[in-house]
Amino acid sequence: MTTLRTKQISVVSSSTVAFTVCFAIWMMFAVIGEATEYWQFLVLGLFVGLAGGPEAALYVFIVFYLTCIVTTWWYYSRKSAEMPC
């Protein structure tokens, strides 16, 4: 049976690793200017093209972010959550 302390350590270490990986990837593309421009065109340009325009793409991004917020709340912040924070 896992203790509360073990769960807390697991959550903190997972968050730290995720933040470090995201920061490392961001820095990698920030340092390499040409790659940054290429990826911005590839990801944002392609997505805007597939969505039908910038306004549609923004609506899709908003829905995605709201889905992430609700999912995070459901699994971590509600009273009967599996791993409450």
Foldseek 3Di string as FASTA:
>chain_A
DDDLVNLVVVVVVVVVVVVVVVVVVVVVCVVVPVVVVVVCCVVVVVQCVVLVHDVSSVVVVVVVVVVVVVVCCQQEPDPPHPHHD
